[in-house]
Amino acid sequence: MGIAERKQREKEKRRKAIIEAAEKVFFTKGIDPATMDDVAEEAELSKGTLYLYFKNKDDLLHAIVHRGLEILFQKFQAVAAETMPGIEKLQAIGRAYIGFFQEDRNHFDIIMHKDPSQIEISDIEDNPGIACCKEAGDRIFSLLVQVIRSGVGDGSIRPDLDPLKLSITLWGQLSGVFHLVAKKERVLKEMMGLEPEDLINYSLQLTRFCIANTTSTGGNQ
């Protein structure tokens, strides 16, 4: 291994360590209260060294968002690789998203906080961190579109639905339900008598009912 390659590996290792330290800080203290000083202390680095890798707190947050999106993409990709009708894959992806929400709330909350869908073109051009988040989000939507198209092809999903519009709508729908559950869990339970998990599953069932191609054997419930 040459000197340049070794230095690059060391740089990437330190960058990863900083992101992991930032995750500990943001996940423990909260996004707004956490500071770059907190991250530098957790990473056992000087603040000056920290700024060599990340120009500000927002830059660090985008790195964590990107990590969360990559985790989510890998979950979706594993489902998409399985052999089953498209509508079953879409349901399984929905359940994988539920698992991500339940098991990795820290990354889910930061993704929602920085909402990749609100990224502007000018932001992408000016900030490599935002560009990476946009690219990761695009890969997730491309995968959903691919699964929907496969469902249309095998007859399990209605052929009149637009795959891109449907993928964005489903993402927004389920994310919205998650946000509602996270913010109003006590109200749902105590005032409405609803279990959050039941509401989430109902959302999946409603989605299946709306998009299933009932005129084909592939869409049978």
C-alpha atoms as a PDB file:
ATOM      1  CA  MET A   1       0.000   0.000   0.000  1.00  0.00           C
ATOM      2  CA  GLY A   2       1.371   3.386  -1.046  1.00  0.00           C
ATOM      3  CA  ILE A   3       1.607   6.432   1.213  1.00  0.00           C
ATOM      4  CA  ALA A   4      -1.207   8.254  -0.588  1.00  0.00           C
ATOM      5  CA  GLU A   5      -3.534   5.263  -0.325  1.00  0.00           C
ATOM      6  CA  ARG A   6      -2.724   4.784   3.354  1.00  0.00           C
ATOM      7  CA  LYS A   7      -3.420   8.449   4.077  1.00  0.00           C
ATOM      8  CA  GLN A   8      -6.728   8.235   2.242  1.00  0.00           C
ATOM      9  CA  ARG A   9      -7.766   5.184   4.254  1.00  0.00           C
ATOM     10  CA  GLU A  10      -6.824   6.918   7.492  1.00  0.00           C
ATOM     11  CA  LYS A  11      -8.829   9.960   6.437  1.00  0.00           C
ATOM     12  CA  GLU A  12     -11.890   7.827   5.641  1.00  0.00           C
ATOM     13  CA  LYS A  13     -11.505   5.969   8.942  1.00  0.00           C
ATOM     14  CA  ARG A  14     -11.401   9.225  10.889  1.00  0.00           C
ATOM     15  CA  ARG A  15     -14.370  10.607   8.974  1.00  0.00           C
ATOM     16  CA  LYS A  16     -16.379   7.494   9.838  1.00  0.00           C
ATOM     17  CA  ALA A  17     -15.352   7.812  13.494  1.00  0.00           C
ATOM     18  CA  ILE A  18     -16.517  11.437  13.532  1.00  0.00           C
ATOM     19  CA  ILE A  19     -19.900  10.481  12.084  1.00  0.00           C
ATOM     20  CA  GLU A  20     -20.287   7.749  14.703  1.00  0.00           C
ATOM     21  CA  ALA A  21     -19.387  10.223  17.446  1.00  0.00           C
ATOM     22  CA  ALA A  22     -21.879  12.727  16.023  1.00  0.00           C
ATOM     23  CA  GLU A  23     -24.580  10.064  16.025  1.00  0.00           C
ATOM     24  CA  LYS A  24     -23.983   9.405  19.720  1.00  0.00           C
ATOM     25  CA  VAL A  25     -24.214  13.111  20.475  1.00  0.00           C
ATOM     26  CA  PHE A  26     -27.264  13.891  18.330  1.00  0.00           C
ATOM     27  CA  PHE A  27     -29.110  10.739  19.355  1.00  0.00           C
ATOM     28  CA  THR A  28     -28.459  11.404  23.052  1.00  0.00           C
ATOM     29  CA  LYS A  29     -28.744  15.193  23.354  1.00  0.00           C
ATOM     30  CA  GLY A  30     -31.096  15.896  20.479  1.00  0.00           C
ATOM     31  CA  ILE A  31     -30.455  17.658  17.188  1.00  0.00           C
ATOM     32  CA  ASP A  32     -30.992  21.266  18.293  1.00  0.00           C
ATOM     33  CA  PRO A  33     -29.108  21.203  21.638  1.00  0.00           C
ATOM     34  CA  ALA A  34     -26.087  19.316  20.256  1.00  0.00           C
ATOM     35  CA  THR A  35     -23.066  21.369  19.197  1.00  0.00           C
ATOM     36  CA  MET A  36     -19.883  20.857  17.218  1.00  0.00           C
ATOM     37  CA  ASP A  37     -18.000  21.208  20.513  1.00  0.00           C
ATOM     38  CA  ASP A  38     -19.943  18.208  21.834  1.00  0.00           C
ATOM     39  CA  VAL A  39     -19.023  16.177  18.762  1.00  0.00           C
ATOM     40  CA  ALA A  40     -15.347  17.151  18.973  1.00  0.00           C
ATOM     41  CA  GLU A  41     -15.275  16.079  22.617  1.00  0.00           C
ATOM     42  CA  GLU A  42     -16.994  12.758  21.869  1.00  0.00           C
ATOM     43  CA  ALA A  43     -14.618  12.088  18.948  1.00  0.00           C
ATOM     44  CA  GLU A  44     -11.617  13.112  21.081  1.00  0.00           C
ATOM     45  CA  LEU A  45     -10.524  15.609  18.457  1.00  0.00           C
ATOM     46  CA  SER A  46      -9.808  19.306  18.465  1.00  0.00           C
ATOM     47  CA  LYS A  47     -12.548  21.463  17.040  1.00  0.00           C
ATOM     48  CA  GLY A  48     -10.142  22.579  14.328  1.00  0.00           C
ATOM     49  CA  THR A  49      -9.594  18.984  13.215  1.00  0.00           C
ATOM     50  CA  LEU A  50     -13.336  18.387  13.192  1.00  0.00           C
ATOM     51  CA  TYR A  51     -13.812  21.319  10.813  1.00  0.00           C
ATOM     52  CA  LEU A  52     -11.302  19.803   8.407  1.00  0.00           C
ATOM     53  CA  TYR A  53     -13.831  17.037   7.769  1.00  0.00           C
ATOM     54  CA  PHE A  54     -17.184  18.794   8.241  1.00  0.00           C
ATOM     55  CA  LYS A  55     -17.679  22.501   7.708  1.00  0.00           C
ATOM     56  CA  ASN A  56     -20.596  22.836  10.143  1.00  0.00           C
ATOM     57  CA  LYS A  57     -23.270  21.010  12.124  1.00  0.00           C
ATOM     58  CA  ASP A  58     -25.610  20.828   9.138  1.00  0.00           C
ATOM     59  CA  ASP A  59     -22.897  19.096   7.124  1.00  0.00           C
ATOM     60  CA  LEU A  60     -22.596  16.464   9.852  1.00  0.00           C
ATOM     61  CA  LEU A  61     -26.348  15.985   9.960  1.00  0.00           C
ATOM     62  CA  HIS A  62     -26.432  15.297   6.238  1.00  0.00           C
ATOM     63  CA  ALA A  63     -23.734  12.656   6.690  1.00  0.00           C
ATOM     64  CA  ILE A  64     -25.930  10.931   9.286  1.00  0.00           C
ATOM     65  CA  VAL A  65     -28.992  11.235   7.047  1.00  0.00           C
ATOM     66  CA  HIS A  66     -27.012   9.627   4.236  1.00  0.00           C
ATOM     67  CA  ARG A  67     -26.027   6.748   6.519  1.00  0.00           C
ATOM     68  CA  GLY A  68     -29.670   6.237   7.518  1.00  0.00           C
ATOM     69  CA  LEU A  69     -30.839   6.276   3.905  1.00  0.00           C
ATOM     70  CA  GLU A  70     -28.192   3.702   2.996  1.00  0.00           C
ATOM     71  CA  ILE A  71     -29.392   1.413   5.801  1.00  0.00           C
ATOM     72  CA  LEU A  72     -32.964   1.770   4.561  1.00  0.00           C
ATOM     73  CA  PHE A  73     -31.965   1.168   0.939  1.00  0.00           C
ATOM     74  CA  GLN A  74     -30.167  -2.048   1.851  1.00  0.00           C
ATOM     75  CA  LYS A  75     -33.307  -3.294   3.641  1.00  0.00           C
ATOM     76  CA  PHE A  76     -35.437  -2.511   0.597  1.00  0.00           C
ATOM     77  CA  GLN A  77     -32.884  -4.010  -1.788  1.00  0.00           C
ATOM     78  CA  ALA A  78     -32.867  -7.301   0.117  1.00  0.00           C
ATOM     79  CA  VAL A  79     -36.651  -7.529  -0.253  1.00  0.00           C
ATOM     80  CA  ALA A  80     -36.566  -6.583  -3.939  1.00  0.00           C
ATOM     81  CA  ALA A  81     -34.121  -9.434  -4.620  1.00  0.00           C
ATOM     82  CA  GLU A  82     -36.607 -12.039  -3.383  1.00  0.00           C
ATOM     83  CA  THR A  83     -38.809 -14.051  -5.743  1.00  0.00           C
ATOM     84  CA  MET A  84     -42.460 -13.062  -5.265  1.00  0.00           C
ATOM     85  CA  PRO A  85     -45.171 -11.058  -7.058  1.00  0.00           C
ATOM     86  CA  GLY A  86     -44.586  -7.318  -7.207  1.00  0.00           C
ATOM     87  CA  ILE A  87     -47.425  -6.459  -4.864  1.00  0.00           C
ATOM     88  CA  GLU A  88     -46.012  -8.875  -2.270  1.00  0.00           C
ATOM     89  CA  LYS A  89     -42.608  -7.219  -2.612  1.00  0.00           C
ATOM     90  CA  LEU A  90     -44.195  -3.824  -2.125  1.00  0.00           C
ATOM     91  CA  GLN A  91     -45.946  -5.053   1.026  1.00  0.00           C
ATOM     92  CA  ALA A  92     -42.677  -6.561   2.276  1.00  0.00           C
ATOM     93  CA  ILE A  93     -40.881  -3.269   1.609  1.00  0.00           C
ATOM     94  CA  GLY A  94     -43.584  -1.544   3.629  1.00  0.00           C
ATOM     95  CA  ARG A  95     -42.974  -3.955   6.502  1.00  0.00           C
ATOM     96  CA  ALA A  96     -39.209  -3.362   6.185  1.00  0.00           C
ATOM     97  CA  TYR A  97     -39.889   0.376   6.480  1.00  0.00           C
ATOM     98  CA  ILE A  98     -41.993  -0.300   9.580  1.00  0.00           C
ATOM     99  CA  GLY A  99     -39.086  -2.302  11.020  1.00  0.00           C
ATOM    100  CA  PHE A 100     -36.722   0.597  10.309  1.00  0.00           C
ATOM    101  CA  PHE A 101     -39.113   3.012  12.032  1.00  0.00           C
ATOM    102  CA  GLN A 102     -39.476   0.775  15.083  1.00  0.00           C
ATOM    103  CA  GLU A 103     -35.880  -0.433  15.429  1.00  0.00           C
ATOM    104  CA  ASP A 104     -33.868   2.576  14.256  1.00  0.00           C
ATOM    105  CA  ARG A 105     -35.917   5.574  15.344  1.00  0.00           C
ATOM    106  CA  ASN A 106     -32.837   7.745  15.699  1.00  0.00           C
ATOM    107  CA  HIS A 107     -31.972   7.554  11.997  1.00  0.00           C
ATOM    108  CA  PHE A 108     -35.650   7.760  11.036  1.00  0.00           C
ATOM    109  CA  ASP A 109     -36.125  10.966  13.056  1.00  0.00           C
ATOM    110  CA  ILE A 110     -33.053  12.624  11.561  1.00  0.00           C
ATOM    111  CA  ILE A 111     -34.136  11.677   8.029  1.00  0.00           C
ATOM    112  CA  MET A 112     -37.527  13.250   8.712  1.00  0.00           C
ATOM    113  CA  HIS A 113     -35.836  16.289  10.295  1.00  0.00           C
ATOM    114  CA  LYS A 114     -33.720  16.925   7.183  1.00  0.00           C
ATOM    115  CA  ASP A 115     -36.405  15.643   4.744  1.00  0.00           C
ATOM    116  CA  PRO A 116     -34.485  14.823   1.503  1.00  0.00           C
ATOM    117  CA  SER A 117     -37.611  15.594  -0.547  1.00  0.00           C
ATOM    118  CA  GLN A 118     -37.250  19.294   0.325  1.00  0.00           C
ATOM    119  CA  ILE A 119     -33.781  19.601  -1.230  1.00  0.00           C
ATOM    120  CA  GLU A 120     -33.424  22.380  -3.799  1.00  0.00           C
ATOM    121  CA  ILE A 121     -31.323  22.131  -6.974  1.00  0.00           C
ATOM    122  CA  SER A 122     -29.117  24.994  -5.798  1.00  0.00           C
ATOM    123  CA  ASP A 123     -28.458  23.133  -2.527  1.00  0.00           C
ATOM    124  CA  ILE A 124     -27.235  20.078  -4.444  1.00  0.00           C
ATOM    125  CA  GLU A 125     -24.845  22.152  -6.531  1.00  0.00           C
ATOM    126  CA  ASP A 126     -23.367  23.923  -3.508  1.00  0.00           C
ATOM    127  CA  ASN A 127     -23.166  21.079  -0.980  1.00  0.00           C
ATOM    128  CA  PRO A 128     -21.687  17.599  -1.663  1.00  0.00           C
ATOM    129  CA  GLY A 129     -23.294  16.247   1.529  1.00  0.00           C
ATOM    130  CA  ILE A 130     -26.755  17.225   0.328  1.00  0.00           C
ATOM    131  CA  ALA A 131     -25.977  15.774  -3.097  1.00  0.00           C
ATOM    132  CA  CYS A 132     -25.135  12.419  -1.479  1.00  0.00           C
ATOM    133  CA  CYS A 133     -28.455  12.433   0.400  1.00  0.00           C
ATOM    134  CA  LYS A 134     -30.313  13.274  -2.809  1.00  0.00           C
ATOM    135  CA  GLU A 135     -28.573  10.431  -4.634  1.00  0.00           C
ATOM    136  CA  ALA A 136     -29.429   7.965  -1.862  1.00  0.00           C
ATOM    137  CA  GLY A 137     -33.054   9.094  -1.852  1.00  0.00           C
ATOM    138  CA  ASP A 138     -33.230   8.772  -5.632  1.00  0.00           C
ATOM    139  CA  ARG A 139     -31.969   5.193  -5.424  1.00  0.00           C
ATOM    140  CA  ILE A 140     -34.723   4.334  -2.954  1.00  0.00           C
ATOM    141  CA  PHE A 141     -37.390   5.777  -5.236  1.00  0.00           C
ATOM    142  CA  SER A 142     -35.864   4.066  -8.283  1.00  0.00           C
ATOM    143  CA  LEU A 143     -36.043   0.750  -6.445  1.00  0.00           C
ATOM    144  CA  LEU A 144     -39.697   1.333  -5.531  1.00  0.00           C
ATOM    145  CA  VAL A 145     -40.479   2.218  -9.150  1.00  0.00           C
ATOM    146  CA  GLN A 146     -38.747  -0.969 -10.291  1.00  0.00           C
ATOM    147  CA  VAL A 147     -40.792  -3.082  -7.857  1.00  0.00           C
ATOM    148  CA  ILE A 148     -44.040  -1.433  -8.931  1.00  0.00           C
ATOM    149  CA  ARG A 149     -43.226  -1.988 -12.589  1.00  0.00           C
ATOM    150  CA  SER A 150     -42.493  -5.635 -11.870  1.00  0.00           C
ATOM    151  CA  GLY A 151     -45.899  -5.865 -10.184  1.00  0.00           C
ATOM    152  CA  VAL A 152     -47.587  -4.339 -13.215  1.00  0.00           C
ATOM    153  CA  GLY A 153     -45.669  -6.776 -15.397  1.00  0.00           C
ATOM    154  CA  ASP A 154     -46.692  -9.864 -13.409  1.00  0.00           C
ATOM    155  CA  GLY A 155     -50.297  -8.674 -13.135  1.00  0.00           C
ATOM    156  CA  SER A 156     -50.394  -8.176  -9.362  1.00  0.00           C
ATOM    157  CA  ILE A 157     -50.533  -4.341  -9.492  1.00  0.00           C
ATOM    158  CA  ARG A 158     -53.030  -2.271 -11.454  1.00  0.00           C
ATOM    159  CA  PRO A 159     -51.589  -1.309 -14.870  1.00  0.00           C
ATOM    160  CA  ASP A 160     -53.224   2.159 -14.864  1.00  0.00           C
ATOM    161  CA  LEU A 161     -51.046   3.427 -11.996  1.00  0.00           C
ATOM    162  CA  ASP A 162     -47.990   5.608 -12.627  1.00  0.00           C
ATOM    163  CA  PRO A 163     -45.000   3.887 -10.943  1.00  0.00           C
ATOM    164  CA  LEU A 164     -43.101   7.077 -10.042  1.00  0.00           C
ATOM    165  CA  LYS A 165     -46.133   8.931  -8.711  1.00  0.00           C
ATOM    166  CA  LEU A 166     -47.216   5.841  -6.792  1.00  0.00           C
ATOM    167  CA  SER A 167     -43.778   5.322  -5.211  1.00  0.00           C
ATOM    168  CA  ILE A 168     -43.650   8.941  -4.014  1.00  0.00           C
ATOM    169  CA  THR A 169     -47.233   8.782  -2.751  1.00  0.00           C
ATOM    170  CA  LEU A 170     -46.641   5.550  -0.832  1.00  0.00           C
ATOM    171  CA  TRP A 171     -43.463   6.951   0.753  1.00  0.00           C
ATOM    172  CA  GLY A 172     -45.303  10.087   1.816  1.00  0.00           C
ATOM    173  CA  GLN A 173     -48.305   8.145   3.066  1.00  0.00           C
ATOM    174  CA  LEU A 174     -46.379   5.743   5.274  1.00  0.00           C
ATOM    175  CA  SER A 175     -43.956   8.411   6.483  1.00  0.00           C
ATOM    176  CA  GLY A 176     -46.949  10.546   7.411  1.00  0.00           C
ATOM    177  CA  VAL A 177     -48.500   7.719   9.418  1.00  0.00           C
ATOM    178  CA  PHE A 178     -45.178   7.167  11.190  1.00  0.00           C
ATOM    179  CA  HIS A 179     -44.944  10.879  11.995  1.00  0.00           C
ATOM    180  CA  LEU A 180     -48.498  10.837  13.357  1.00  0.00           C
ATOM    181  CA  VAL A 181     -47.769   7.779  15.504  1.00  0.00           C
ATOM    182  CA  ALA A 182     -44.540   9.295  16.827  1.00  0.00           C
ATOM    183  CA  LYS A 183     -46.160  12.620  17.757  1.00  0.00           C
ATOM    184  CA  LYS A 184     -49.623  11.454  18.861  1.00  0.00           C
ATOM    185  CA  GLU A 185     -49.089   7.988  20.319  1.00  0.00           C
ATOM    186  CA  ARG A 186     -50.677   8.826  23.679  1.00  0.00           C
ATOM    187  CA  VAL A 187     -53.672  10.515  22.045  1.00  0.00           C
ATOM    188  CA  LEU A 188     -54.199   7.551  19.737  1.00  0.00           C
ATOM    189  CA  LYS A 189     -54.122   5.103  22.632  1.00  0.00           C
ATOM    190  CA  GLU A 190     -55.923   6.979  25.398  1.00  0.00           C
ATOM    191  CA  MET A 191     -58.437   9.098  23.516  1.00  0.00           C
ATOM    192  CA  MET A 192     -59.120   7.017  20.417  1.00  0.00           C
ATOM    193  CA  GLY A 193     -58.429   3.516  21.664  1.00  0.00           C
ATOM    194  CA  LEU A 194     -56.075   2.799  18.762  1.00  0.00           C
ATOM    195  CA  GLU A 195     -52.808   0.898  18.928  1.00  0.00           C
ATOM    196  CA  PRO A 196     -50.150   2.599  16.768  1.00  0.00           C
ATOM    197  CA  GLU A 197     -49.061  -0.713  15.220  1.00  0.00           C
ATOM    198  CA  ASP A 198     -52.651  -1.461  14.186  1.00  0.00           C
ATOM    199  CA  LEU A 199     -52.893   1.938  12.486  1.00  0.00           C
ATOM    200  CA  ILE A 200     -49.656   1.332  10.589  1.00  0.00           C
ATOM    201  CA  ASN A 201     -50.779  -2.122   9.457  1.00  0.00           C
ATOM    202  CA  TYR A 202     -54.153  -0.689   8.435  1.00  0.00           C
ATOM    203  CA  SER A 203     -52.304   1.767   6.205  1.00  0.00           C
ATOM    204  CA  LEU A 204     -50.524  -1.124   4.480  1.00  0.00           C
ATOM    205  CA  GLN A 205     -53.776  -3.024   4.029  1.00  0.00           C
ATOM    206  CA  LEU A 206     -55.486   0.038   2.579  1.00  0.00           C
ATOM    207  CA  THR A 207     -52.605   0.515   0.145  1.00  0.00           C
ATOM    208  CA  ARG A 208     -52.858  -3.070  -1.038  1.00  0.00           C
ATOM    209  CA  PHE A 209     -56.603  -2.763  -1.517  1.00  0.00           C
ATOM    210  CA  CYS A 210     -56.142   0.372  -3.644  1.00  0.00           C
ATOM    211  CA  ILE A 211     -53.347  -0.846  -5.920  1.00  0.00           C
ATOM    212  CA  ALA A 212     -54.035  -4.585  -6.277  1.00  0.00           C
ATOM    213  CA  ASN A 213     -55.023  -5.711  -9.763  1.00  0.00           C
ATOM    214  CA  THR A 214     -58.112  -7.731  -8.855  1.00  0.00           C
ATOM    215  CA  THR A 215     -58.813  -8.554 -12.512  1.00  0.00           C
ATOM    216  CA  SER A 216     -55.724 -10.797 -12.613  1.00  0.00           C
ATOM    217  CA  THR A 217     -54.848 -13.931 -10.671  1.00  0.00           C
ATOM    218  CA  GLY A 218     -51.656 -12.133  -9.626  1.00  0.00           C
ATOM    219  CA  GLY A 219     -53.755  -9.648  -7.649  1.00  0.00           C
ATOM    220  CA  ASN A 220     -55.791 -12.112  -5.617  1.00  0.00           C
ATOM    221  CA  GLN A 221     -55.807 -11.293  -1.897  1.00  0.00           C
END
